[in-house]
Amino acid sequence: MAHLHLRYLLALALVHAVLSSGVFELKIHSFHTAQRICRRHRDCHIFFRICLKHPEDVISAEPPCTFGTGQTNVIRADHTSISSSAPIRVPFHFKWPGTFSLIIEAWNAESPTEYTDNQNNLVSRLATRRRLAIGEDWSQDVHFGEQSELRYSYHVFCDEYYFGDGCADYCRPRDDTLGHYTCDEEGNRICLEGWKGNYCSEPICSTDCSERHGYCEAPGGCTCRMGWQGPSCNECVRYPGCLHGTCSQPWQCNCHEGWGGLFCDQDLTTSTAKLPRHPC
């Protein structure tokens, strides 16, 4: 059974390396600024970039974004404002800490498809520190800058198969050699019928199967250990060749009354009857 648990842990580590444990999402609702977004007389295009990082007392705009980063597509805008955009998704691969620093930047785009890191195209930047619990509900927020107003919302939720306050508990339903279970709303394993154990990998034998002398490889079965037999594996196997005897432990041959010998095949009654009688 130990090798099965090892295989389970190796598979679990592989899954953890591929999947994220949770997702932070931010949605830009509106952005207004007193300054002109467009520097030229052409269509305006703008995009937003966010940097998610560990909580800092003084938030630095410099990388790294330790929790992740993301950005919107390029959005069509008028000369001073934009409204609505698709959510920015930032997947993470760690236990959600609850407190974080957030930087939101608005950038002027060179074209509908061209992003830029030219600092001359940075329109606005805000930095804030927030606390956010795991949940599906969106938190609304608004930021008033010296010449701008940004309205946005955000939330964080666990990815599929992850649970708990920090999305650190993993449970994926399975029914194979590594386990037989489903998961409840808190990520606890619930064994399928006929299975037990921490990973639901131990089959439950038939109800009358001897726990001491029998085992099973599938639910409802009963396979006898060496030296035992019968439907419930509670009958000992007699010594080979034992004819008129019983056993209380495997390989015994305890003779019935009137029988003797190694195999209990000697009729002691007959032998006694043939003994010569001595005169008184």
C-alpha atoms as a PDB file:
ATOM      1  CA  MET A   1       0.000   0.000   0.000  1.00  0.00           C
ATOM      2  CA  ALA A   2       2.946   2.338   0.662  1.00  0.00           C
ATOM      3  CA  HIS A   3       3.985   2.335  -2.997  1.00  0.00           C
ATOM      4  CA  LEU A   4       0.459   3.400  -3.985  1.00  0.00           C
ATOM      5  CA  HIS A   5       0.669   6.396  -1.642  1.00  0.00           C
ATOM      6  CA  LEU A   6       4.042   7.317  -3.160  1.00  0.00           C
ATOM      7  CA  ARG A   7       2.566   7.189  -6.644  1.00  0.00           C
ATOM      8  CA  TYR A   8      -0.320   9.337  -5.428  1.00  0.00           C
ATOM      9  CA  LEU A   9       2.019  12.004  -4.041  1.00  0.00           C
ATOM     10  CA  LEU A  10       4.097  12.061  -7.245  1.00  0.00           C
ATOM     11  CA  ALA A  11       0.980  12.466  -9.353  1.00  0.00           C
ATOM     12  CA  LEU A  12      -0.265  15.176  -7.005  1.00  0.00           C
ATOM     13  CA  ALA A  13       3.007  17.088  -7.324  1.00  0.00           C
ATOM     14  CA  LEU A  14       2.755  16.939 -11.118  1.00  0.00           C
ATOM     15  CA  VAL A  15      -0.793  18.272 -11.057  1.00  0.00           C
ATOM     16  CA  HIS A  16       0.227  21.110  -8.733  1.00  0.00           C
ATOM     17  CA  ALA A  17       2.995  22.109 -11.132  1.00  0.00           C
ATOM     18  CA  VAL A  18       0.546  22.410 -14.043  1.00  0.00           C
ATOM     19  CA  LEU A  19      -2.589  23.903 -12.513  1.00  0.00           C
ATOM     20  CA  SER A  20      -3.006  27.189 -10.640  1.00  0.00           C
ATOM     21  CA  SER A  21      -4.474  27.060  -7.166  1.00  0.00           C
ATOM     22  CA  GLY A  22      -6.526  30.223  -7.590  1.00  0.00           C
ATOM     23  CA  VAL A  23      -7.253  33.256  -9.751  1.00  0.00           C
ATOM     24  CA  PHE A  24      -7.287  36.983  -8.993  1.00  0.00           C
ATOM     25  CA  GLU A  25      -9.571  38.911 -11.350  1.00  0.00           C
ATOM     26  CA  LEU A  26      -9.832  42.688 -11.810  1.00  0.00           C
ATOM     27  CA  LYS A  27     -12.358  44.493 -13.968  1.00  0.00           C
ATOM     28  CA  ILE A  28     -11.974  48.094 -15.150  1.00  0.00           C
ATOM     29  CA  HIS A  29     -15.392  49.797 -15.227  1.00  0.00           C
ATOM     30  CA  SER A  30     -14.476  53.356 -16.171  1.00  0.00           C
ATOM     31  CA  PHE A  31     -11.516  55.676 -16.436  1.00  0.00           C
ATOM     32  CA  HIS A  32     -11.666  59.459 -16.806  1.00  0.00           C
ATOM     33  CA  THR A  33      -8.787  61.892 -16.944  1.00  0.00           C
ATOM     34  CA  ALA A  34      -8.457  65.648 -17.310  1.00  0.00           C
ATOM     35  CA  GLN A  35      -5.508  65.243 -19.628  1.00  0.00           C
ATOM     36  CA  ARG A  36      -5.782  64.167 -23.215  1.00  0.00           C
ATOM     37  CA  ILE A  37      -5.123  60.460 -23.653  1.00  0.00           C
ATOM     38  CA  CYS A  38      -4.406  60.785 -27.352  1.00  0.00           C
ATOM     39  CA  ARG A  39      -1.338  62.685 -28.404  1.00  0.00           C
ATOM     40  CA  ARG A  40      -2.319  62.752 -32.061  1.00  0.00           C
ATOM     41  CA  HIS A  41      -5.495  63.394 -34.026  1.00  0.00           C
ATOM     42  CA  ARG A  42      -6.380  59.789 -34.563  1.00  0.00           C
ATOM     43  CA  ASP A  43      -8.333  57.009 -32.892  1.00  0.00           C
ATOM     44  CA  CYS A  44      -7.506  56.609 -29.217  1.00  0.00           C
ATOM     45  CA  HIS A  45      -6.295  53.283 -27.898  1.00  0.00           C
ATOM     46  CA  ILE A  46      -5.458  52.480 -24.312  1.00  0.00           C
ATOM     47  CA  PHE A  47      -4.724  49.399 -22.229  1.00  0.00           C
ATOM     48  CA  PHE A  48      -4.428  48.680 -18.510  1.00  0.00           C
ATOM     49  CA  ARG A  49      -1.747  46.675 -16.786  1.00  0.00           C
ATOM     50  CA  ILE A  50      -1.823  45.419 -13.206  1.00  0.00           C
ATOM     51  CA  CYS A  51       0.956  44.267 -10.920  1.00  0.00           C
ATOM     52  CA  LEU A  52       0.023  42.039  -7.980  1.00  0.00           C
ATOM     53  CA  LYS A  53       2.651  41.690  -5.280  1.00  0.00           C
ATOM     54  CA  HIS A  54       3.292  41.009  -1.607  1.00  0.00           C
ATOM     55  CA  PRO A  55       2.058  43.678   0.827  1.00  0.00           C
ATOM     56  CA  GLU A  56       4.431  46.640   1.160  1.00  0.00           C
ATOM     57  CA  ASP A  57       4.215  49.627   3.510  1.00  0.00           C
ATOM     58  CA  VAL A  58       5.623  51.773   0.717  1.00  0.00           C
ATOM     59  CA  ILE A  59       4.532  50.252  -2.570  1.00  0.00           C
ATOM     60  CA  SER A  60       7.234  50.225  -5.206  1.00  0.00           C
ATOM     61  CA  ALA A  61       6.270  50.396  -8.858  1.00  0.00           C
ATOM     62  CA  GLU A  62       9.425  48.493  -9.715  1.00  0.00           C
ATOM     63  CA  PRO A  63       9.307  44.746 -10.441  1.00  0.00           C
ATOM     64  CA  PRO A  64       9.084  42.003  -9.515  1.00  0.00           C
ATOM     65  CA  CYS A  65       5.328  41.518  -9.352  1.00  0.00           C
ATOM     66  CA  THR A  66       5.688  38.656  -6.888  1.00  0.00           C
ATOM     67  CA  PHE A  67       2.054  37.482  -7.104  1.00  0.00           C
ATOM     68  CA  GLY A  68       1.712  37.948 -10.868  1.00  0.00           C
ATOM     69  CA  THR A  69       0.847  40.421 -13.562  1.00  0.00           C
ATOM     70  CA  GLY A  70      -1.720  40.862 -16.310  1.00  0.00           C
ATOM     71  CA  GLN A  71      -3.227  43.358 -18.714  1.00  0.00           C
ATOM     72  CA  THR A  72      -6.281  44.117 -20.808  1.00  0.00           C
ATOM     73  CA  ASN A  73      -6.487  44.083 -24.554  1.00  0.00           C
ATOM     74  CA  VAL A  74      -6.109  47.413 -26.294  1.00  0.00           C
ATOM     75  CA  ILE A  75      -9.365  49.358 -25.775  1.00  0.00           C
ATOM     76  CA  ARG A  76     -10.899  51.976 -28.039  1.00  0.00           C
ATOM     77  CA  ALA A  77     -11.311  55.254 -26.146  1.00  0.00           C
ATOM     78  CA  ASP A  78     -12.237  58.877 -26.690  1.00  0.00           C
ATOM     79  CA  HIS A  79      -9.835  61.663 -25.858  1.00  0.00           C
ATOM     80  CA  THR A  80     -10.423  61.609 -22.087  1.00  0.00           C
ATOM     81  CA  SER A  81     -12.195  58.425 -20.998  1.00  0.00           C
ATOM     82  CA  ILE A  82     -12.910  54.739 -21.513  1.00  0.00           C
ATOM     83  CA  SER A  83     -15.601  52.495 -20.127  1.00  0.00           C
ATOM     84  CA  SER A  84     -15.673  48.766 -19.421  1.00  0.00           C
ATOM     85  CA  SER A  85     -13.198  46.070 -20.409  1.00  0.00           C
ATOM     86  CA  ALA A  86     -12.795  42.319 -20.101  1.00  0.00           C
ATOM     87  CA  PRO A  87     -11.482  41.175 -16.690  1.00  0.00           C
ATOM     88  CA  ILE A  88      -7.744  40.826 -16.157  1.00  0.00           C
ATOM     89  CA  ARG A  89      -6.939  37.361 -14.826  1.00  0.00           C
ATOM     90  CA  VAL A  90      -3.871  36.658 -12.696  1.00  0.00           C
ATOM     91  CA  PRO A  91      -3.550  32.954 -11.764  1.00  0.00           C
ATOM     92  CA  PHE A  92      -1.426  32.120  -8.734  1.00  0.00           C
ATOM     93  CA  HIS A  93       0.249  28.925  -7.521  1.00  0.00           C
ATOM     94  CA  PHE A  94       0.494  29.469  -3.775  1.00  0.00           C
ATOM     95  CA  LYS A  95      -1.642  29.821  -0.671  1.00  0.00           C
ATOM     96  CA  TRP A  96      -3.537  33.072  -0.971  1.00  0.00           C
ATOM     97  CA  PRO A  97      -2.230  35.357   1.823  1.00  0.00           C
ATOM     98  CA  GLY A  98      -5.252  37.655   2.041  1.00  0.00           C
ATOM     99  CA  THR A  99      -3.278  40.935   2.026  1.00  0.00           C
ATOM    100  CA  PHE A 100      -1.600  42.216  -1.137  1.00  0.00           C
ATOM    101  CA  SER A 101      -0.318  45.297  -2.931  1.00  0.00           C
ATOM    102  CA  LEU A 102      -1.922  46.295  -6.222  1.00  0.00           C
ATOM    103  CA  ILE A 103      -0.614  48.607  -8.937  1.00  0.00           C
ATOM    104  CA  ILE A 104      -2.911  49.619 -11.819  1.00  0.00           C
ATOM    105  CA  GLU A 105      -1.456  51.464 -14.776  1.00  0.00           C
ATOM    106  CA  ALA A 106      -3.197  53.041 -17.778  1.00  0.00           C
ATOM    107  CA  TRP A 107      -1.088  53.153 -20.939  1.00  0.00           C
ATOM    108  CA  ASN A 108      -1.540  54.828 -24.263  1.00  0.00           C
ATOM    109  CA  ALA A 109      -1.157  52.259 -27.076  1.00  0.00           C
ATOM    110  CA  GLU A 110       0.639  53.032 -30.300  1.00  0.00           C
ATOM    111  CA  SER A 111      -1.978  51.162 -32.323  1.00  0.00           C
ATOM    112  CA  PRO A 112      -4.959  48.787 -31.836  1.00  0.00           C
ATOM    113  CA  THR A 113      -2.525  45.850 -31.655  1.00  0.00           C
ATOM    114  CA  GLU A 114       0.696  47.363 -30.330  1.00  0.00           C
ATOM    115  CA  TYR A 115       1.604  47.469 -26.638  1.00  0.00           C
ATOM    116  CA  THR A 116       4.429  49.655 -25.429  1.00  0.00           C
ATOM    117  CA  ASP A 117       6.648  50.158 -22.396  1.00  0.00           C
ATOM    118  CA  ASN A 118       7.633  53.672 -23.417  1.00  0.00           C
ATOM    119  CA  GLN A 119       7.290  55.680 -20.193  1.00  0.00           C
ATOM    120  CA  ASN A 120       6.074  58.652 -22.232  1.00  0.00           C
ATOM    121  CA  ASN A 121       2.902  56.657 -22.916  1.00  0.00           C
ATOM    122  CA  LEU A 122       2.090  56.037 -19.247  1.00  0.00           C
ATOM    123  CA  VAL A 123      -1.173  57.889 -18.605  1.00  0.00           C
ATOM    124  CA  SER A 124      -1.872  57.058 -14.969  1.00  0.00           C
ATOM    125  CA  ARG A 125      -0.697  54.855 -12.135  1.00  0.00           C
ATOM    126  CA  LEU A 126      -2.263  53.995  -8.804  1.00  0.00           C
ATOM    127  CA  ALA A 127      -0.826  51.868  -6.008  1.00  0.00           C
ATOM    128  CA  THR A 128      -2.868  50.545  -3.113  1.00  0.00           C
ATOM    129  CA  ARG A 129      -2.739  47.915  -0.405  1.00  0.00           C
ATOM    130  CA  ARG A 130      -5.814  45.789   0.194  1.00  0.00           C
ATOM    131  CA  ARG A 131      -7.093  42.783   2.087  1.00  0.00           C
ATOM    132  CA  LEU A 132      -9.292  40.315   0.229  1.00  0.00           C
ATOM    133  CA  ALA A 133     -10.734  36.961   1.288  1.00  0.00           C
ATOM    134  CA  ILE A 134     -11.455  34.084  -1.063  1.00  0.00           C
ATOM    135  CA  GLY A 135     -14.931  34.379  -2.531  1.00  0.00           C
ATOM    136  CA  GLU A 136     -16.955  34.884  -5.684  1.00  0.00           C
ATOM    137  CA  ASP A 137     -18.302  38.336  -4.719  1.00  0.00           C
ATOM    138  CA  TRP A 138     -16.719  41.374  -6.383  1.00  0.00           C
ATOM    139  CA  SER A 139     -15.263  44.171  -4.242  1.00  0.00           C
ATOM    140  CA  GLN A 140     -15.961  47.621  -5.703  1.00  0.00           C
ATOM    141  CA  ASP A 141     -13.351  50.385  -5.498  1.00  0.00           C
ATOM    142  CA  VAL A 142     -12.690  53.852  -6.863  1.00  0.00           C
ATOM    143  CA  HIS A 143      -9.464  55.815  -7.058  1.00  0.00           C
ATOM    144  CA  PHE A 144      -9.316  59.596  -7.401  1.00  0.00           C
ATOM    145  CA  GLY A 145      -6.000  60.843  -8.701  1.00  0.00           C
ATOM    146  CA  GLU A 146      -4.907  64.427  -9.198  1.00  0.00           C
ATOM    147  CA  GLN A 147      -6.365  64.466 -12.715  1.00  0.00           C
ATOM    148  CA  SER A 148      -8.143  61.119 -13.024  1.00  0.00           C
ATOM    149  CA  GLU A 149     -10.877  58.861 -11.715  1.00  0.00           C
ATOM    150  CA  LEU A 150     -10.686  55.072 -11.960  1.00  0.00           C
ATOM    151  CA  ARG A 151     -13.527  52.754 -10.996  1.00  0.00           C
ATOM    152  CA  TYR A 152     -12.807  49.049 -10.803  1.00  0.00           C
ATOM    153  CA  SER A 153     -13.734  45.839  -8.995  1.00  0.00           C
ATOM    154  CA  TYR A 154     -11.842  42.701  -8.102  1.00  0.00           C
ATOM    155  CA  HIS A 155     -12.215  39.321  -6.471  1.00  0.00           C
ATOM    156  CA  VAL A 156     -10.223  36.143  -5.891  1.00  0.00           C
ATOM    157  CA  PHE A 157     -11.449  32.571  -6.071  1.00  0.00           C
ATOM    158  CA  CYS A 158     -10.043  29.054  -5.941  1.00  0.00           C
ATOM    159  CA  ASP A 159      -9.361  27.203  -9.159  1.00  0.00           C
ATOM    160  CA  GLU A 160     -11.026  23.870  -9.840  1.00  0.00           C
ATOM    161  CA  TYR A 161     -10.082  21.171  -7.300  1.00  0.00           C
ATOM    162  CA  TYR A 162      -8.667  23.700  -4.787  1.00  0.00           C
ATOM    163  CA  PHE A 163     -10.384  24.595  -1.532  1.00  0.00           C
ATOM    164  CA  GLY A 164      -9.949  26.376   1.770  1.00  0.00           C
ATOM    165  CA  ASP A 165      -9.366  29.945   2.925  1.00  0.00           C
ATOM    166  CA  GLY A 166      -6.122  30.129   0.958  1.00  0.00           C
ATOM    167  CA  CYS A 167      -6.897  27.702  -1.909  1.00  0.00           C
ATOM    168  CA  ALA A 168      -4.209  25.421  -0.483  1.00  0.00           C
ATOM    169  CA  ASP A 169      -6.302  22.256  -0.033  1.00  0.00           C
ATOM    170  CA  TYR A 170      -6.337  20.030  -3.118  1.00  0.00           C
ATOM    171  CA  CYS A 171      -8.980  17.426  -3.847  1.00  0.00           C
ATOM    172  CA  ARG A 172      -9.795  16.000  -7.259  1.00  0.00           C
ATOM    173  CA  PRO A 173     -12.427  13.246  -7.534  1.00  0.00           C
ATOM    174  CA  ARG A 174     -11.050   9.985  -8.848  1.00  0.00           C
ATOM    175  CA  ASP A 175     -11.868   6.319  -9.189  1.00  0.00           C
ATOM    176  CA  ASP A 176      -8.651   4.498 -10.078  1.00  0.00           C
ATOM    177  CA  THR A 177      -5.705   2.686  -8.480  1.00  0.00           C
ATOM    178  CA  LEU A 178      -4.701   5.863  -6.606  1.00  0.00           C
ATOM    179  CA  GLY A 179      -8.032   6.337  -4.879  1.00  0.00           C
ATOM    180  CA  HIS A 180     -11.807   6.071  -5.057  1.00  0.00           C
ATOM    181  CA  TYR A 181     -13.506   9.239  -3.801  1.00  0.00           C
ATOM    182  CA  THR A 182     -15.394  12.436  -4.459  1.00  0.00           C
ATOM    183  CA  CYS A 183     -14.872  15.809  -2.713  1.00  0.00           C
ATOM    184  CA  ASP A 184     -17.241  17.821  -0.568  1.00  0.00           C
ATOM    185  CA  GLU A 185     -17.575  21.625  -0.653  1.00  0.00           C
ATOM    186  CA  GLU A 186     -14.652  22.021   1.752  1.00  0.00           C
ATOM    187  CA  GLY A 187     -12.304  19.746  -0.185  1.00  0.00           C
ATOM    188  CA  ASN A 188     -12.598  16.694   2.086  1.00  0.00           C
ATOM    189  CA  ARG A 189     -12.353  13.289   0.435  1.00  0.00           C
ATOM    190  CA  ILE A 190     -15.579  11.270   0.542  1.00  0.00           C
ATOM    191  CA  CYS A 191     -14.935   7.588  -0.171  1.00  0.00           C
ATOM    192  CA  LEU A 192     -17.013   5.850  -2.804  1.00  0.00           C
ATOM    193  CA  GLU A 193     -19.074   2.903  -1.619  1.00  0.00           C
ATOM    194  CA  GLY A 194     -16.902  -0.076  -0.777  1.00  0.00           C
ATOM    195  CA  TRP A 195     -13.694   1.872  -0.036  1.00  0.00           C
ATOM    196  CA  LYS A 196     -12.002   3.286   3.069  1.00  0.00           C
ATOM    197  CA  GLY A 197      -8.707   4.822   4.257  1.00  0.00           C
ATOM    198  CA  ASN A 198      -7.118   8.267   4.023  1.00  0.00           C
ATOM    199  CA  TYR A 199      -6.999   8.062   0.232  1.00  0.00           C
ATOM    200  CA  CYS A 200      -9.970   5.691  -0.100  1.00  0.00           C
ATOM    201  CA  SER A 201      -7.664   3.080  -1.596  1.00  0.00           C
ATOM    202  CA  GLU A 202      -8.439   0.266   0.877  1.00  0.00           C
ATOM    203  CA  PRO A 203     -11.342  -2.000  -0.196  1.00  0.00           C
ATOM    204  CA  ILE A 204     -14.001  -2.949   2.346  1.00  0.00           C
ATOM    205  CA  CYS A 205     -14.233  -6.755   2.446  1.00  0.00           C
ATOM    206  CA  SER A 206     -17.413  -8.794   2.841  1.00  0.00           C
ATOM    207  CA  THR A 207     -19.086  -8.303   6.211  1.00  0.00           C
ATOM    208  CA  ASP A 208     -18.284 -11.826   7.477  1.00  0.00           C
ATOM    209  CA  CYS A 209     -14.683 -11.894   6.222  1.00  0.00           C
ATOM    210  CA  SER A 210     -12.228 -12.509   9.069  1.00  0.00           C
ATOM    211  CA  GLU A 211     -10.219  -9.341   9.683  1.00  0.00           C
ATOM    212  CA  ARG A 212      -7.351 -11.457  11.026  1.00  0.00           C
ATOM    213  CA  HIS A 213      -7.242 -14.276   8.506  1.00  0.00           C
ATOM    214  CA  GLY A 214      -8.684 -12.710   5.347  1.00  0.00           C
ATOM    215  CA  TYR A 215      -8.263  -9.704   3.067  1.00  0.00           C
ATOM    216  CA  CYS A 216      -9.661  -8.432  -0.217  1.00  0.00           C
ATOM    217  CA  GLU A 217      -8.435  -6.642  -3.323  1.00  0.00           C
ATOM    218  CA  ALA A 218     -11.891  -5.406  -4.339  1.00  0.00           C
ATOM    219  CA  PRO A 219     -14.966  -4.383  -2.313  1.00  0.00           C
ATOM    220  CA  GLY A 220     -17.055  -7.276  -1.050  1.00  0.00           C
ATOM    221  CA  GLY A 221     -14.361  -9.915  -1.560  1.00  0.00           C
ATOM    222  CA  CYS A 222     -12.630 -12.216   0.908  1.00  0.00           C
ATOM    223  CA  THR A 223      -9.301 -13.863   0.099  1.00  0.00           C
ATOM    224  CA  CYS A 224      -7.830 -16.175   2.729  1.00  0.00           C
ATOM    225  CA  ARG A 225      -4.326 -15.856   4.063  1.00  0.00           C
ATOM    226  CA  MET A 226      -2.072 -18.922   3.988  1.00  0.00           C
ATOM    227  CA  GLY A 227      -3.290 -21.614   6.347  1.00  0.00           C
ATOM    228  CA  TRP A 228      -6.934 -20.515   6.362  1.00  0.00           C
ATOM    229  CA  GLN A 229      -9.951 -21.403   4.246  1.00  0.00           C
ATOM    230  CA  GLY A 230     -13.721 -21.155   3.955  1.00  0.00           C
ATOM    231  CA  PRO A 231     -16.050 -18.377   2.755  1.00  0.00           C
ATOM    232  CA  SER A 232     -15.091 -16.208   5.733  1.00  0.00           C
ATOM    233  CA  CYS A 233     -11.480 -17.432   6.051  1.00  0.00           C
ATOM    234  CA  ASN A 234     -12.092 -18.567   9.640  1.00  0.00           C
ATOM    235  CA  GLU A 235     -11.426 -22.282   9.079  1.00  0.00           C
ATOM    236  CA  CYS A 236      -7.874 -23.496   9.607  1.00  0.00           C
ATOM    237  CA  VAL A 237      -6.202 -25.798   7.059  1.00  0.00           C
ATOM    238  CA  ARG A 238      -5.305 -29.189   8.580  1.00  0.00           C
ATOM    239  CA  TYR A 239      -1.930 -30.845   8.203  1.00  0.00           C
ATOM    240  CA  PRO A 240      -1.761 -32.405   4.714  1.00  0.00           C
ATOM    241  CA  GLY A 241      -2.954 -35.992   4.834  1.00  0.00           C
ATOM    242  CA  CYS A 242      -4.778 -35.581   8.149  1.00  0.00           C
ATOM    243  CA  LEU A 243      -7.624 -38.107   7.976  1.00  0.00           C
ATOM    244  CA  HIS A 244      -9.560 -38.189  11.241  1.00  0.00           C
ATOM    245  CA  GLY A 245      -8.446 -35.039  12.940  1.00  0.00           C
ATOM    246  CA  THR A 246      -9.154 -31.322  13.407  1.00  0.00           C
ATOM    247  CA  CYS A 247      -7.166 -28.128  13.913  1.00  0.00           C
ATOM    248  CA  SER A 248      -7.389 -24.911  15.894  1.00  0.00           C
ATOM    249  CA  GLN A 249      -4.372 -23.432  14.098  1.00  0.00           C
ATOM    250  CA  PRO A 250      -3.083 -24.091  10.565  1.00  0.00           C
ATOM    251  CA  TRP A 251      -1.233 -27.337   9.851  1.00  0.00           C
ATOM    252  CA  GLN A 252      -2.419 -29.118  13.005  1.00  0.00           C
ATOM    253  CA  CYS A 253      -3.898 -32.617  13.064  1.00  0.00           C
ATOM    254  CA  ASN A 254      -5.618 -33.146  16.394  1.00  0.00           C
ATOM    255  CA  CYS A 255      -7.049 -36.642  16.296  1.00  0.00           C
ATOM    256  CA  HIS A 256     -10.661 -37.481  17.022  1.00  0.00           C
ATOM    257  CA  GLU A 257     -11.318 -39.893  19.893  1.00  0.00           C
ATOM    258  CA  GLY A 258     -10.293 -43.368  18.914  1.00  0.00           C
ATOM    259  CA  TRP A 259      -7.759 -42.308  16.311  1.00  0.00           C
ATOM    260  CA  GLY A 260      -4.025 -41.807  16.503  1.00  0.00           C
ATOM    261  CA  GLY A 261      -0.852 -41.465  14.496  1.00  0.00           C
ATOM    262  CA  LEU A 262       0.700 -38.519  12.669  1.00  0.00           C
ATOM    263  CA  PHE A 263      -2.197 -38.388  10.204  1.00  0.00           C
ATOM    264  CA  CYS A 264      -4.863 -39.630  12.661  1.00  0.00           C
ATOM    265  CA  ASP A 265      -5.306 -42.652  10.395  1.00  0.00           C
ATOM    266  CA  GLN A 266      -4.751 -45.390  12.989  1.00  0.00           C
ATOM    267  CA  ASP A 267      -7.884 -46.901  14.497  1.00  0.00           C
ATOM    268  CA  LEU A 268      -6.997 -47.195  18.160  1.00  0.00           C
ATOM    269  CA  THR A 269     -10.251 -49.023  18.953  1.00  0.00           C
ATOM    270  CA  THR A 270      -9.465 -51.853  16.555  1.00  0.00           C
ATOM    271  CA  SER A 271      -5.863 -52.068  17.732  1.00  0.00           C
ATOM    272  CA  THR A 272      -6.986 -52.375  21.341  1.00  0.00           C
ATOM    273  CA  ALA A 273      -9.500 -55.109  20.500  1.00  0.00           C
ATOM    274  CA  LYS A 274      -6.748 -57.244  18.961  1.00  0.00           C
ATOM    275  CA  LEU A 275      -4.524 -57.149  22.026  1.00  0.00           C
ATOM    276  CA  PRO A 276      -4.183 -60.672  23.736  1.00  0.00           C
ATOM    277  CA  ARG A 277      -5.954 -61.103  26.999  1.00  0.00           C
ATOM    278  CA  HIS A 278      -3.921 -62.203  29.990  1.00  0.00           C
ATOM    279  CA  PRO A 279      -5.398 -64.696  32.425  1.00  0.00           C
ATOM    280  CA  CYS A 280      -6.228 -63.388  35.835  1.00  0.00           C
END
